[in-house]
Amino acid sequence: MTDRYTDKPFLRFVDAWVLKAIGHLDEPTEAYCRAMVPQLEQSFGLTGSWERIVEQQMKFTPDLPAQIRKIWIDGKARFAEGNGEAPDPRQFAMIFVDRNFSRA
């Protein structure tokens, strides 16, 4: 299996943004994203936190995190019921990004 981010390094930040929106962004990933802010600013000509740069670059609306959280929360019980286990937040984020933000 190839690394998801090899040819699309910005995708790592979009995945992280979705994980943060659902409350499941781990500290090492968040620290990596924070450390990369200067490179993001240089690459995109934008300023601010990594989250803000992702929002600006992807043209995300302010209400999007709440919408994603609702999808996550509403879908968790259905997933667990249908699969006999809790959903994996990372898998949710990747699938959500792939289905909704193909340009990432």
N, C-alpha and C. Protein backbone atom coordinates (compact mmCIF):
# COMPACT_ATOMS: atom_id res chain seq x y z
N MET A 1 0.84 -1.18 0.00
CA MET A 1 0.00 0.00 0.00
C MET A 1 0.88 1.24 0.00
N THR A 2 0.55 2.20 -0.83
CA THR A 2 1.33 3.43 -0.88
C THR A 2 0.88 4.38 0.21
N ASP A 3 1.76 5.27 0.58
CA ASP A 3 1.44 6.27 1.59
C ASP A 3 0.41 7.24 1.00
N ARG A 4 -0.65 7.47 1.70
CA ARG A 4 -1.75 8.34 1.27
C ARG A 4 -1.27 9.75 0.91
N TYR A 5 -0.18 10.18 1.53
CA TYR A 5 0.24 11.57 1.38
C TYR A 5 1.42 11.78 0.45
N THR A 6 1.93 10.73 -0.17
CA THR A 6 3.14 10.84 -0.99
C THR A 6 3.00 11.89 -2.08
N ASP A 7 1.95 11.83 -2.86
CA ASP A 7 1.77 12.78 -3.96
C ASP A 7 0.85 13.94 -3.60
N LYS A 8 0.28 13.91 -2.40
CA LYS A 8 -0.65 14.96 -1.96
C LYS A 8 -0.35 15.34 -0.51
N PRO A 9 0.75 16.02 -0.26
CA PRO A 9 1.12 16.32 1.12
C PRO A 9 0.10 17.18 1.87
N PHE A 10 -0.63 18.04 1.15
CA PHE A 10 -1.62 18.89 1.83
C PHE A 10 -2.78 18.06 2.40
N LEU A 11 -3.01 16.90 1.82
CA LEU A 11 -4.07 16.02 2.27
C LEU A 11 -3.91 15.65 3.74
N ARG A 12 -2.67 15.55 4.21
CA ARG A 12 -2.41 15.25 5.63
C ARG A 12 -3.05 16.32 6.52
N PHE A 13 -3.00 17.57 6.09
CA PHE A 13 -3.55 18.65 6.88
C PHE A 13 -5.08 18.66 6.83
N VAL A 14 -5.65 18.31 5.69
CA VAL A 14 -7.11 18.24 5.58
C VAL A 14 -7.63 17.09 6.45
N ASP A 15 -6.98 15.94 6.40
CA ASP A 15 -7.36 14.83 7.28
C ASP A 15 -7.28 15.26 8.74
N ALA A 16 -6.19 15.92 9.11
CA ALA A 16 -6.00 16.38 10.49
C ALA A 16 -7.09 17.38 10.88
N TRP A 17 -7.45 18.24 9.95
CA TRP A 17 -8.49 19.24 10.22
C TRP A 17 -9.81 18.55 10.54
N VAL A 18 -10.16 17.52 9.77
CA VAL A 18 -11.40 16.78 10.03
C VAL A 18 -11.31 16.05 11.38
N LEU A 19 -10.16 15.44 11.66
CA LEU A 19 -9.99 14.79 12.96
C LEU A 19 -10.15 15.78 14.10
N LYS A 20 -9.63 16.98 13.93
CA LYS A 20 -9.79 18.00 14.97
C LYS A 20 -11.27 18.39 15.11
N ALA A 21 -11.97 18.47 13.99
CA ALA A 21 -13.39 18.84 14.02
C ALA A 21 -14.21 17.83 14.81
N ILE A 22 -13.82 16.55 14.77
CA ILE A 22 -14.59 15.52 15.51
C ILE A 22 -13.97 15.21 16.87
N GLY A 23 -12.94 15.95 17.25
CA GLY A 23 -12.35 15.78 18.57
C GLY A 23 -11.41 14.60 18.71
N HIS A 24 -10.79 14.18 17.60
CA HIS A 24 -9.92 13.00 17.65
C HIS A 24 -8.53 13.24 17.05
N LEU A 25 -8.07 14.47 17.05
CA LEU A 25 -6.72 14.74 16.54
C LEU A 25 -5.71 14.46 17.65
N ASP A 26 -4.79 13.55 17.38
CA ASP A 26 -3.79 13.20 18.39
C ASP A 26 -2.72 14.30 18.48
N GLU A 27 -2.08 14.39 19.63
CA GLU A 27 -1.10 15.45 19.89
C GLU A 27 0.09 15.41 18.93
N PRO A 28 0.67 14.24 18.62
CA PRO A 28 1.80 14.25 17.68
C PRO A 28 1.44 14.81 16.31
N THR A 29 0.26 14.50 15.82
CA THR A 29 -0.16 15.02 14.52
C THR A 29 -0.41 16.52 14.61
N GLU A 30 -1.03 16.95 15.70
CA GLU A 30 -1.27 18.39 15.85
C GLU A 30 0.06 19.14 15.97
N ALA A 31 1.01 18.58 16.69
CA ALA A 31 2.33 19.22 16.82
C ALA A 31 3.02 19.30 15.45
N TYR A 32 2.91 18.25 14.65
CA TYR A 32 3.47 18.27 13.29
C TYR A 32 2.83 19.39 12.47
N CYS A 33 1.51 19.48 12.53
CA CYS A 33 0.80 20.51 11.77
C CYS A 33 1.23 21.92 12.20
N ARG A 34 1.35 22.11 13.51
CA ARG A 34 1.80 23.42 14.02
C ARG A 34 3.21 23.74 13.54
N ALA A 35 4.07 22.74 13.57
CA ALA A 35 5.47 22.95 13.15
C ALA A 35 5.58 23.28 11.67
N MET A 36 4.61 22.87 10.88
CA MET A 36 4.66 23.07 9.44
C MET A 36 4.03 24.39 8.99
N VAL A 37 3.55 25.20 9.92
CA VAL A 37 2.90 26.46 9.56
C VAL A 37 3.78 27.34 8.67
N PRO A 38 5.07 27.54 8.98
CA PRO A 38 5.87 28.39 8.09
C PRO A 38 5.90 27.88 6.63
N GLN A 39 5.98 26.57 6.46
CA GLN A 39 5.99 26.01 5.11
C GLN A 39 4.63 26.18 4.44
N LEU A 40 3.57 26.01 5.20
CA LEU A 40 2.22 26.22 4.64
C LEU A 40 2.03 27.67 4.23
N GLU A 41 2.48 28.59 5.09
CA GLU A 41 2.36 30.00 4.77
C GLU A 41 3.12 30.33 3.48
N GLN A 42 4.31 29.80 3.37
CA GLN A 42 5.13 30.05 2.18
C GLN A 42 4.50 29.41 0.93
N SER A 43 4.02 28.20 1.06
CA SER A 43 3.45 27.49 -0.09
C SER A 43 2.18 28.13 -0.62
N PHE A 44 1.33 28.62 0.28
CA PHE A 44 0.02 29.11 -0.14
C PHE A 44 -0.13 30.62 -0.06
N GLY A 45 0.88 31.31 0.46
CA GLY A 45 0.79 32.76 0.57
C GLY A 45 -0.29 33.19 1.54
N LEU A 46 -0.55 32.37 2.54
CA LEU A 46 -1.57 32.66 3.55
C LEU A 46 -0.89 32.73 4.91
N THR A 47 -1.56 33.34 5.86
CA THR A 47 -1.00 33.42 7.20
C THR A 47 -2.03 32.92 8.21
N GLY A 48 -1.53 32.53 9.37
CA GLY A 48 -2.40 32.08 10.45
C GLY A 48 -2.03 30.69 10.92
N SER A 49 -2.90 30.13 11.72
CA SER A 49 -2.69 28.77 12.23
C SER A 49 -2.83 27.79 11.07
N TRP A 50 -2.37 26.57 11.29
CA TRP A 50 -2.52 25.56 10.24
C TRP A 50 -4.00 25.33 9.93
N GLU A 51 -4.84 25.37 10.97
CA GLU A 51 -6.27 25.18 10.76
C GLU A 51 -6.84 26.27 9.85
N ARG A 52 -6.44 27.50 10.12
CA ARG A 52 -6.94 28.64 9.33
C ARG A 52 -6.45 28.54 7.89
N ILE A 53 -5.21 28.13 7.70
CA ILE A 53 -4.68 27.98 6.34
C ILE A 53 -5.46 26.91 5.59
N VAL A 54 -5.76 25.80 6.24
CA VAL A 54 -6.57 24.75 5.59
C VAL A 54 -7.94 25.31 5.23
N GLU A 55 -8.56 26.01 6.16
CA GLU A 55 -9.89 26.58 5.91
C GLU A 55 -9.87 27.55 4.73
N GLN A 56 -8.86 28.39 4.67
CA GLN A 56 -8.76 29.36 3.58
C GLN A 56 -8.48 28.67 2.25
N GLN A 57 -7.54 27.75 2.25
CA GLN A 57 -7.14 27.07 1.03
C GLN A 57 -8.30 26.23 0.47
N MET A 58 -9.04 25.59 1.36
CA MET A 58 -10.15 24.72 0.94
C MET A 58 -11.48 25.47 0.82
N LYS A 59 -11.48 26.74 1.24
CA LYS A 59 -12.70 27.57 1.23
C LYS A 59 -13.81 26.95 2.09
N PHE A 60 -13.40 26.47 3.28
CA PHE A 60 -14.35 25.90 4.21
C PHE A 60 -15.17 27.00 4.87
N THR A 61 -16.43 26.73 5.11
CA THR A 61 -17.30 27.69 5.79
C THR A 61 -17.16 27.52 7.30
N PRO A 62 -17.49 28.58 8.06
CA PRO A 62 -17.34 28.52 9.52
C PRO A 62 -18.19 27.43 10.18
N ASP A 63 -19.30 27.05 9.56
CA ASP A 63 -20.17 26.05 10.18
C ASP A 63 -19.78 24.61 9.83
N LEU A 64 -18.77 24.43 8.99
CA LEU A 64 -18.40 23.08 8.56
C LEU A 64 -17.96 22.17 9.71
N PRO A 65 -17.14 22.62 10.67
CA PRO A 65 -16.77 21.71 11.76
C PRO A 65 -17.98 21.14 12.50
N ALA A 66 -18.98 21.97 12.76
CA ALA A 66 -20.19 21.49 13.45
C ALA A 66 -20.95 20.48 12.59
N GLN A 67 -20.99 20.70 11.29
CA GLN A 67 -21.66 19.76 10.39
C GLN A 67 -20.94 18.41 10.38
N ILE A 68 -19.60 18.45 10.33
CA ILE A 68 -18.82 17.20 10.33
C ILE A 68 -19.00 16.47 11.66
N ARG A 69 -18.96 17.22 12.77
CA ARG A 69 -19.17 16.62 14.09
C ARG A 69 -20.53 15.91 14.17
N LYS A 70 -21.57 16.54 13.62
CA LYS A 70 -22.90 15.96 13.63
C LYS A 70 -22.93 14.65 12.83
N ILE A 71 -22.30 14.64 11.67
CA ILE A 71 -22.24 13.42 10.85
C ILE A 71 -21.52 12.32 11.63
N TRP A 72 -20.41 12.67 12.28
CA TRP A 72 -19.64 11.69 13.07
C TRP A 72 -20.48 11.13 14.20
N ILE A 73 -21.08 12.02 14.98
CA ILE A 73 -21.85 11.60 16.15
C ILE A 73 -23.07 10.78 15.72
N ASP A 74 -23.79 11.25 14.72
CA ASP A 74 -24.98 10.53 14.26
C ASP A 74 -24.63 9.17 13.67
N GLY A 75 -23.48 9.06 13.02
CA GLY A 75 -23.11 7.83 12.36
C GLY A 75 -22.44 6.80 13.25
N LYS A 76 -21.89 7.24 14.39
CA LYS A 76 -21.16 6.31 15.27
C LYS A 76 -22.02 5.14 15.72
N ALA A 77 -23.21 5.43 16.19
CA ALA A 77 -24.08 4.37 16.71
C ALA A 77 -24.51 3.42 15.60
N ARG A 78 -24.86 3.97 14.45
CA ARG A 78 -25.26 3.12 13.32
C ARG A 78 -24.11 2.22 12.89
N PHE A 79 -22.90 2.78 12.85
CA PHE A 79 -21.73 1.99 12.45
C PHE A 79 -21.51 0.86 13.44
N ALA A 80 -21.53 1.18 14.72
CA ALA A 80 -21.29 0.18 15.76
C ALA A 80 -22.34 -0.92 15.70
N GLU A 81 -23.58 -0.51 15.49
CA GLU A 81 -24.67 -1.49 15.41
C GLU A 81 -24.49 -2.42 14.20
N GLY A 82 -24.10 -1.86 13.09
CA GLY A 82 -23.95 -2.65 11.87
C GLY A 82 -22.67 -3.45 11.79
N ASN A 83 -21.63 -3.02 12.51
CA ASN A 83 -20.33 -3.67 12.41
C ASN A 83 -19.85 -4.35 13.68
N GLY A 84 -20.56 -4.16 14.76
CA GLY A 84 -20.18 -4.79 16.01
C GLY A 84 -18.96 -4.19 16.67
N GLU A 85 -18.55 -3.03 16.21
CA GLU A 85 -17.41 -2.34 16.83
C GLU A 85 -17.53 -0.85 16.58
N ALA A 86 -16.82 -0.08 17.38
CA ALA A 86 -16.85 1.37 17.24
C ALA A 86 -16.11 1.78 15.96
N PRO A 87 -16.53 2.86 15.33
CA PRO A 87 -15.84 3.32 14.14
C PRO A 87 -14.46 3.90 14.48
N ASP A 88 -13.57 3.82 13.54
CA ASP A 88 -12.23 4.37 13.71
C ASP A 88 -12.24 5.83 13.23
N PRO A 89 -11.90 6.78 14.10
CA PRO A 89 -11.94 8.18 13.70
C PRO A 89 -11.04 8.51 12.51
N ARG A 90 -9.86 7.90 12.45
CA ARG A 90 -8.94 8.17 11.33
C ARG A 90 -9.54 7.69 10.01
N GLN A 91 -10.14 6.51 10.05
CA GLN A 91 -10.76 5.98 8.84
C GLN A 91 -11.93 6.89 8.43
N PHE A 92 -12.73 7.31 9.41
CA PHE A 92 -13.83 8.24 9.11
C PHE A 92 -13.30 9.49 8.43
N ALA A 93 -12.24 10.08 9.00
CA ALA A 93 -11.69 11.32 8.44
C ALA A 93 -11.23 11.11 7.00
N MET A 94 -10.51 10.03 6.75
CA MET A 94 -10.00 9.79 5.40
C MET A 94 -11.14 9.57 4.40
N ILE A 95 -12.12 8.79 4.80
CA ILE A 95 -13.27 8.55 3.90
C ILE A 95 -14.04 9.84 3.68
N PHE A 96 -14.25 10.61 4.73
CA PHE A 96 -14.97 11.87 4.62
C PHE A 96 -14.24 12.82 3.66
N VAL A 97 -12.95 12.93 3.84
CA VAL A 97 -12.16 13.82 2.98
C VAL A 97 -12.21 13.33 1.53
N ASP A 98 -12.02 12.03 1.32
CA ASP A 98 -12.03 11.48 -0.04
C ASP A 98 -13.37 11.71 -0.73
N ARG A 99 -14.44 11.59 0.00
CA ARG A 99 -15.78 11.73 -0.60
C ARG A 99 -16.19 13.19 -0.80
N ASN A 100 -15.70 14.08 0.04
CA ASN A 100 -16.20 15.45 0.01
C ASN A 100 -15.22 16.50 -0.49
N PHE A 101 -13.94 16.20 -0.43
CA PHE A 101 -12.94 17.19 -0.79
C PHE A 101 -11.93 16.60 -1.76
N SER A 102 -12.39 16.17 -2.89
CA SER A 102 -11.51 15.47 -3.85
C SER A 102 -10.36 16.33 -4.34
N ARG A 103 -10.46 17.63 -4.19
CA ARG A 103 -9.39 18.50 -4.68
C ARG A 103 -8.26 18.69 -3.66
N ALA A 104 -8.40 18.08 -2.48
CA ALA A 104 -7.37 18.25 -1.43
C ALA A 104 -6.07 17.60 -1.85
